[in-house]
Amino acid sequence: MGIFSKISFIIWLIILLAAAIMFDWFGSRELASSFLDSTQVAVEKLETTGDHVQGIIDVVKEDKEALEKGL
């Protein structure tokens, strides 16, 4: 299977999924909505985790700078 046929297959799969959502075949709109909701929750969790980690990194940097100035 050549690279062109793989790319063509992926494009046709995307087109089929888009048509399924547009015409609500097999309840695909509900599935797409629930998938997007779950990804939104995952993104929000990653954002809060990243904010906490960034805060910890900032505290460690400030402590390191304070120790270097104190020495």
PDB file of N, CA and C in Angstrom:
ATOM      1  N   MET A   1       0.861  -1.177   0.000  1.00  0.00           N
ATOM      2  CA  MET A   1       0.000   0.000   0.000  1.00  0.00           C
ATOM      3  C   MET A   1       0.900   1.230   0.000  1.00  0.00           C
ATOM      4  N   GLY A   2       0.788   2.011  -1.031  1.00  0.00           N
ATOM      5  CA  GLY A   2       1.642   3.179  -1.173  1.00  0.00           C
ATOM      6  C   GLY A   2       1.174   4.335  -0.304  1.00  0.00           C
ATOM      7  N   ILE A   3       2.007   5.334  -0.228  1.00  0.00           N
ATOM      8  CA  ILE A   3       1.711   6.508   0.600  1.00  0.00           C
ATOM      9  C   ILE A   3       0.486   7.241   0.075  1.00  0.00           C
ATOM     10  N   PHE A   4       0.324   7.278  -1.251  1.00  0.00           N
ATOM     11  CA  PHE A   4      -0.832   7.966  -1.819  1.00  0.00           C
ATOM     12  C   PHE A   4      -2.127   7.279  -1.430  1.00  0.00           C
ATOM     13  N   SER A   5      -2.127   5.958  -1.433  1.00  0.00           N
ATOM     14  CA  SER A   5      -3.351   5.238  -1.070  1.00  0.00           C
ATOM     15  C   SER A   5      -3.678   5.405   0.413  1.00  0.00           C
ATOM     16  N   LYS A   6      -2.663   5.506   1.268  1.00  0.00           N
ATOM     17  CA  LYS A   6      -2.900   5.735   2.702  1.00  0.00           C
ATOM     18  C   LYS A   6      -3.495   7.122   2.931  1.00  0.00           C
ATOM     19  N   ILE A   7      -2.934   8.113   2.261  1.00  0.00           N
ATOM     20  CA  ILE A   7      -3.444   9.480   2.389  1.00  0.00           C
ATOM     21  C   ILE A   7      -4.857   9.566   1.834  1.00  0.00           C
ATOM     22  N   SER A   8      -5.087   8.911   0.711  1.00  0.00           N
ATOM     23  CA  SER A   8      -6.422   8.889   0.117  1.00  0.00           C
ATOM     24  C   SER A   8      -7.429   8.228   1.055  1.00  0.00           C
ATOM     25  N   PHE A   9      -7.039   7.147   1.691  1.00  0.00           N
ATOM     26  CA  PHE A   9      -7.921   6.460   2.637  1.00  0.00           C
ATOM     27  C   PHE A   9      -8.280   7.366   3.808  1.00  0.00           C
ATOM     28  N   ILE A  10      -7.304   8.085   4.341  1.00  0.00           N
ATOM     29  CA  ILE A  10      -7.553   8.987   5.465  1.00  0.00           C
ATOM     30  C   ILE A  10      -8.500  10.111   5.048  1.00  0.00           C
ATOM     31  N   ILE A  11      -8.293  10.657   3.860  1.00  0.00           N
ATOM     32  CA  ILE A  11      -9.167  11.730   3.370  1.00  0.00           C
ATOM     33  C   ILE A  11     -10.593  11.221   3.218  1.00  0.00           C
ATOM     34  N   TRP A  12     -10.770  10.038   2.621  1.00  0.00           N
ATOM     35  CA  TRP A  12     -12.114   9.476   2.457  1.00  0.00           C
ATOM     36  C   TRP A  12     -12.766   9.176   3.805  1.00  0.00           C
ATOM     37  N   LEU A  13     -11.976   8.737   4.769  1.00  0.00           N
ATOM     38  CA  LEU A  13     -12.507   8.474   6.108  1.00  0.00           C
ATOM     39  C   LEU A  13     -13.001   9.764   6.760  1.00  0.00           C
ATOM     40  N   ILE A  14     -12.239  10.844   6.614  1.00  0.00           N
ATOM     41  CA  ILE A  14     -12.645  12.138   7.163  1.00  0.00           C
ATOM     42  C   ILE A  14     -13.922  12.635   6.484  1.00  0.00           C
ATOM     43  N   ILE A  15     -13.995  12.463   5.171  1.00  0.00           N
ATOM     44  CA  ILE A  15     -15.199  12.871   4.441  1.00  0.00           C
ATOM     45  C   ILE A  15     -16.405  12.070   4.909  1.00  0.00           C
ATOM     46  N   LEU A  16     -16.232  10.777   5.103  1.00  0.00           N
ATOM     47  CA  LEU A  16     -17.321   9.928   5.576  1.00  0.00           C
ATOM     48  C   LEU A  16     -17.780  10.333   6.977  1.00  0.00           C
ATOM     49  N   LEU A  17     -16.826  10.624   7.855  1.00  0.00           N
ATOM     50  CA  LEU A  17     -17.183  11.067   9.206  1.00  0.00           C
ATOM     51  C   LEU A  17     -17.918  12.403   9.178  1.00  0.00           C
ATOM     52  N   ALA A  18     -17.464  13.317   8.331  1.00  0.00           N
ATOM     53  CA  ALA A  18     -18.126  14.618   8.223  1.00  0.00           C
ATOM     54  C   ALA A  18     -19.555  14.450   7.701  1.00  0.00           C
ATOM     55  N   ALA A  19     -19.737  13.586   6.711  1.00  0.00           N
ATOM     56  CA  ALA A  19     -21.086  13.350   6.183  1.00  0.00           C
ATOM     57  C   ALA A  19     -21.978  12.696   7.227  1.00  0.00           C
ATOM     58  N   ALA A  20     -21.413  11.792   8.001  1.00  0.00           N
ATOM     59  CA  ALA A  20     -22.196  11.127   9.049  1.00  0.00           C
ATOM     60  C   ALA A  20     -22.678  12.129  10.086  1.00  0.00           C
ATOM     61  N   ILE A  21     -21.834  13.076  10.431  1.00  0.00           N
ATOM     62  CA  ILE A  21     -22.231  14.092  11.407  1.00  0.00           C
ATOM     63  C   ILE A  21     -23.231  15.066  10.782  1.00  0.00           C
ATOM     64  N   MET A  22     -23.009  15.445   9.538  1.00  0.00           N
ATOM     65  CA  MET A  22     -23.919  16.391   8.879  1.00  0.00           C
ATOM     66  C   MET A  22     -25.329  15.825   8.783  1.00  0.00           C
ATOM     67  N   PHE A  23     -25.445  14.555   8.421  1.00  0.00           N
ATOM     68  CA  PHE A  23     -26.756  13.961   8.204  1.00  0.00           C
ATOM     69  C   PHE A  23     -27.225  13.114   9.385  1.00  0.00           C
ATOM     70  N   ASP A  24     -26.476  13.131  10.480  1.00  0.00           N
ATOM     71  CA  ASP A  24     -26.792  12.426  11.719  1.00  0.00           C
ATOM     72  C   ASP A  24     -27.060  10.941  11.484  1.00  0.00           C
ATOM     73  N   TRP A  25     -26.143  10.295  10.769  1.00  0.00           N
ATOM     74  CA  TRP A  25     -26.242   8.857  10.562  1.00  0.00           C
ATOM     75  C   TRP A  25     -25.804   8.144  11.828  1.00  0.00           C
ATOM     76  N   PHE A  26     -26.590   7.161  12.248  1.00  0.00           N
ATOM     77  CA  PHE A  26     -26.264   6.285  13.385  1.00  0.00           C
ATOM     78  C   PHE A  26     -26.054   7.067  14.686  1.00  0.00           C
ATOM     79  N   GLY A  27     -26.710   8.198  14.836  1.00  0.00           N
ATOM     80  CA  GLY A  27     -26.565   8.987  16.059  1.00  0.00           C
ATOM     81  C   GLY A  27     -25.186   9.598  16.215  1.00  0.00           C
ATOM     82  N   SER A  28     -24.544   9.898  15.099  1.00  0.00           N
ATOM     83  CA  SER A  28     -23.165  10.378  15.151  1.00  0.00           C
ATOM     84  C   SER A  28     -23.043  11.776  15.752  1.00  0.00           C
ATOM     85  N   ARG A  29     -24.091  12.580  15.657  1.00  0.00           N
ATOM     86  CA  ARG A  29     -24.009  13.924  16.260  1.00  0.00           C
ATOM     87  C   ARG A  29     -23.863  13.822  17.775  1.00  0.00           C
ATOM     88  N   GLU A  30     -24.624  12.921  18.379  1.00  0.00           N
ATOM     89  CA  GLU A  30     -24.529  12.732  19.829  1.00  0.00           C
ATOM     90  C   GLU A  30     -23.144  12.231  20.221  1.00  0.00           C
ATOM     91  N   LEU A  31     -22.610  11.304  19.442  1.00  0.00           N
ATOM     92  CA  LEU A  31     -21.267  10.788  19.722  1.00  0.00           C
ATOM     93  C   LEU A  31     -20.213  11.886  19.587  1.00  0.00           C
ATOM     94  N   ALA A  32     -20.341  12.693  18.547  1.00  0.00           N
ATOM     95  CA  ALA A  32     -19.383  13.781  18.341  1.00  0.00           C
ATOM     96  C   ALA A  32     -19.464  14.805  19.466  1.00  0.00           C
ATOM     97  N   SER A  33     -20.688  15.117  19.895  1.00  0.00           N
ATOM     98  CA  SER A  33     -20.857  16.082  20.990  1.00  0.00           C
ATOM     99  C   SER A  33     -20.262  15.552  22.287  1.00  0.00           C
ATOM    100  N   SER A  34     -20.514  14.293  22.591  1.00  0.00           N
ATOM    101  CA  SER A  34     -19.968  13.738  23.833  1.00  0.00           C
ATOM    102  C   SER A  34     -18.444  13.643  23.760  1.00  0.00           C
ATOM    103  N   PHE A  35     -17.916  13.336  22.575  1.00  0.00           N
ATOM    104  CA  PHE A  35     -16.463  13.291  22.410  1.00  0.00           C
ATOM    105  C   PHE A  35     -15.850  14.671  22.626  1.00  0.00           C
ATOM    106  N   LEU A  36     -16.482  15.697  22.060  1.00  0.00           N
ATOM    107  CA  LEU A  36     -15.957  17.054  22.220  1.00  0.00           C
ATOM    108  C   LEU A  36     -16.068  17.526  23.665  1.00  0.00           C
ATOM    109  N   ASP A  37     -17.137  17.127  24.359  1.00  0.00           N
ATOM    110  CA  ASP A  37     -17.264  17.479  25.769  1.00  0.00           C
ATOM    111  C   ASP A  37     -16.158  16.833  26.595  1.00  0.00           C
ATOM    112  N   SER A  38     -15.875  15.566  26.300  1.00  0.00           N
ATOM    113  CA  SER A  38     -14.828  14.884  27.070  1.00  0.00           C
ATOM    114  C   SER A  38     -13.452  15.462  26.767  1.00  0.00           C
ATOM    115  N   THR A  39     -13.220  15.876  25.523  1.00  0.00           N
ATOM    116  CA  THR A  39     -11.931  16.487  25.226  1.00  0.00           C
ATOM    117  C   THR A  39     -11.816  17.858  25.883  1.00  0.00           C
ATOM    118  N   GLN A  40     -12.931  18.571  26.004  1.00  0.00           N
ATOM    119  CA  GLN A  40     -12.908  19.875  26.681  1.00  0.00           C
ATOM    120  C   GLN A  40     -12.537  19.689  28.147  1.00  0.00           C
ATOM    121  N   VAL A  41     -13.088  18.659  28.777  1.00  0.00           N
ATOM    122  CA  VAL A  41     -12.760  18.373  30.174  1.00  0.00           C
ATOM    123  C   VAL A  41     -11.275  18.037  30.298  1.00  0.00           C
ATOM    124  N   ALA A  42     -10.763  17.252  29.366  1.00  0.00           N
ATOM    125  CA  ALA A  42      -9.345  16.887  29.401  1.00  0.00           C
ATOM    126  C   ALA A  42      -8.462  18.116  29.235  1.00  0.00           C
ATOM    127  N   VAL A  43      -8.834  19.019  28.339  1.00  0.00           N
ATOM    128  CA  VAL A  43      -8.056  20.240  28.126  1.00  0.00           C
ATOM    129  C   VAL A  43      -8.071  21.108  29.384  1.00  0.00           C
ATOM    130  N   GLU A  44      -9.213  21.211  30.033  1.00  0.00           N
ATOM    131  CA  GLU A  44      -9.294  22.014  31.261  1.00  0.00           C
ATOM    132  C   GLU A  44      -8.422  21.421  32.356  1.00  0.00           C
ATOM    133  N   LYS A  45      -8.398  20.103  32.483  1.00  0.00           N
ATOM    134  CA  LYS A  45      -7.547  19.456  33.491  1.00  0.00           C
ATOM    135  C   LYS A  45      -6.071  19.687  33.184  1.00  0.00           C
ATOM    136  N   LEU A  46      -5.727  19.606  31.903  1.00  0.00           N
ATOM    137  CA  LEU A  46      -4.334  19.870  31.524  1.00  0.00           C
ATOM    138  C   LEU A  46      -3.947  21.315  31.808  1.00  0.00           C
ATOM    139  N   GLU A  47      -4.880  22.246  31.582  1.00  0.00           N
ATOM    140  CA  GLU A  47      -4.605  23.656  31.869  1.00  0.00           C
ATOM    141  C   GLU A  47      -4.338  23.866  33.351  1.00  0.00           C
ATOM    142  N   THR A  48      -5.182  23.306  34.199  1.00  0.00           N
ATOM    143  CA  THR A  48      -4.992  23.497  35.646  1.00  0.00           C
ATOM    144  C   THR A  48      -3.714  22.813  36.118  1.00  0.00           C
ATOM    145  N   THR A  49      -3.414  21.639  35.586  1.00  0.00           N
ATOM    146  CA  THR A  49      -2.176  20.958  35.960  1.00  0.00           C
ATOM    147  C   THR A  49      -0.970  21.774  35.511  1.00  0.00           C
ATOM    148  N   GLY A  50      -1.026  22.316  34.302  1.00  0.00           N
ATOM    149  CA  GLY A  50       0.076  23.151  33.808  1.00  0.00           C
ATOM    150  C   GLY A  50       0.264  24.399  34.646  1.00  0.00           C
ATOM    151  N   ASP A  51      -0.838  25.012  35.075  1.00  0.00           N
ATOM    152  CA  ASP A  51      -0.744  26.199  35.925  1.00  0.00           C
ATOM    153  C   ASP A  51      -0.095  25.867  37.261  1.00  0.00           C
ATOM    154  N   HIS A  52      -0.469  24.723  37.838  1.00  0.00           N
ATOM    155  CA  HIS A  52       0.131  24.322  39.117  1.00  0.00           C
ATOM    156  C   HIS A  52       1.621  24.037  38.966  1.00  0.00           C
ATOM    157  N   VAL A  53       1.988  23.336  37.903  1.00  0.00           N
ATOM    158  CA  VAL A  53       3.399  23.015  37.674  1.00  0.00           C
ATOM    159  C   VAL A  53       4.189  24.300  37.428  1.00  0.00           C
ATOM    160  N   GLN A  54       3.629  25.227  36.662  1.00  0.00           N
ATOM    161  CA  GLN A  54       4.318  26.494  36.411  1.00  0.00           C
ATOM    162  C   GLN A  54       4.510  27.267  37.708  1.00  0.00           C
ATOM    163  N   GLY A  55       3.510  27.232  38.586  1.00  0.00           N
ATOM    164  CA  GLY A  55       3.643  27.882  39.886  1.00  0.00           C
ATOM    165  C   GLY A  55       4.755  27.271  40.715  1.00  0.00           C
ATOM    166  N   ILE A  56       4.862  25.958  40.689  1.00  0.00           N
ATOM    167  CA  ILE A  56       5.926  25.280  41.430  1.00  0.00           C
ATOM    168  C   ILE A  56       7.284  25.640  40.852  1.00  0.00           C
ATOM    169  N   ILE A  57       7.385  25.684  39.540  1.00  0.00           N
ATOM    170  CA  ILE A  57       8.649  26.044  38.902  1.00  0.00           C
ATOM    171  C   ILE A  57       9.048  27.465  39.273  1.00  0.00           C
ATOM    172  N   ASP A  58       8.093  28.377  39.291  1.00  0.00           N
ATOM    173  CA  ASP A  58       8.387  29.764  39.674  1.00  0.00           C
ATOM    174  C   ASP A  58       8.874  29.848  41.116  1.00  0.00           C
ATOM    175  N   VAL A  59       8.243  29.094  42.012  1.00  0.00           N
ATOM    176  CA  VAL A  59       8.661  29.104  43.427  1.00  0.00           C
ATOM    177  C   VAL A  59      10.074  28.565  43.557  1.00  0.00           C
ATOM    178  N   VAL A  60      10.385  27.482  42.848  1.00  0.00           N
ATOM    179  CA  VAL A  60      11.725  26.903  42.918  1.00  0.00           C
ATOM    180  C   VAL A  60      12.757  27.881  42.363  1.00  0.00           C
ATOM    181  N   LYS A  61      12.436  28.571  41.272  1.00  0.00           N
ATOM    182  CA  LYS A  61      13.362  29.562  40.709  1.00  0.00           C
ATOM    183  C   LYS A  61      13.606  30.697  41.697  1.00  0.00           C
ATOM    184  N   GLU A  62      12.523  31.181  42.324  1.00  0.00           N
ATOM    185  CA  GLU A  62      12.673  32.270  43.294  1.00  0.00           C
ATOM    186  C   GLU A  62      13.502  31.826  44.488  1.00  0.00           C
ATOM    187  N   ASP A  63      13.296  30.597  44.961  1.00  0.00           N
ATOM    188  CA  ASP A  63      14.081  30.088  46.091  1.00  0.00           C
ATOM    189  C   ASP A  63      15.550  29.944  45.708  1.00  0.00           C
ATOM    190  N   LYS A  64      15.802  29.480  44.486  1.00  0.00           N
ATOM    191  CA  LYS A  64      17.180  29.330  44.026  1.00  0.00           C
ATOM    192  C   LYS A  64      17.869  30.689  43.940  1.00  0.00           C
ATOM    193  N   GLU A  65      17.162  31.687  43.399  1.00  0.00           N
ATOM    194  CA  GLU A  65      17.750  33.024  43.293  1.00  0.00           C
ATOM    195  C   GLU A  65      17.993  33.609  44.675  1.00  0.00           C
ATOM    196  N   ALA A  66      17.090  33.371  45.604  1.00  0.00           N
ATOM    197  CA  ALA A  66      17.265  33.900  46.968  1.00  0.00           C
ATOM    198  C   ALA A  66      18.461  33.236  47.634  1.00  0.00           C
ATOM    199  N   LEU A  67      18.650  31.934  47.403  1.00  0.00           N
ATOM    200  CA  LEU A  67      19.804  31.251  47.985  1.00  0.00           C
ATOM    201  C   LEU A  67      21.113  31.743  47.379  1.00  0.00           C
ATOM    202  N   GLU A  68      21.087  31.999  46.054  1.00  0.00           N
ATOM    203  CA  GLU A  68      22.305  32.485  45.412  1.00  0.00           C
ATOM    204  C   GLU A  68      22.659  33.885  45.881  1.00  0.00           C
ATOM    205  N   LYS A  69      21.657  34.728  46.130  1.00  0.00           N
ATOM    206  CA  LYS A  69      21.928  36.084  46.621  1.00  0.00           C
ATOM    207  C   LYS A  69      22.391  36.042  48.068  1.00  0.00           C
ATOM    208  N   GLY A  70      21.895  35.091  48.837  1.00  0.00           N
ATOM    209  CA  GLY A  70      22.264  34.982  50.241  1.00  0.00           C
ATOM    210  C   GLY A  70      23.661  34.459  50.444  1.00  0.00           C
ATOM    211  N   LEU A  71      24.170  33.718  49.478  1.00  0.00           N
ATOM    212  CA  LEU A  71      25.505  33.146  49.619  1.00  0.00           C
ATOM    213  C   LEU A  71      26.507  34.117  49.138  1.00  0.00           C
TER     214      LEU A  71
END
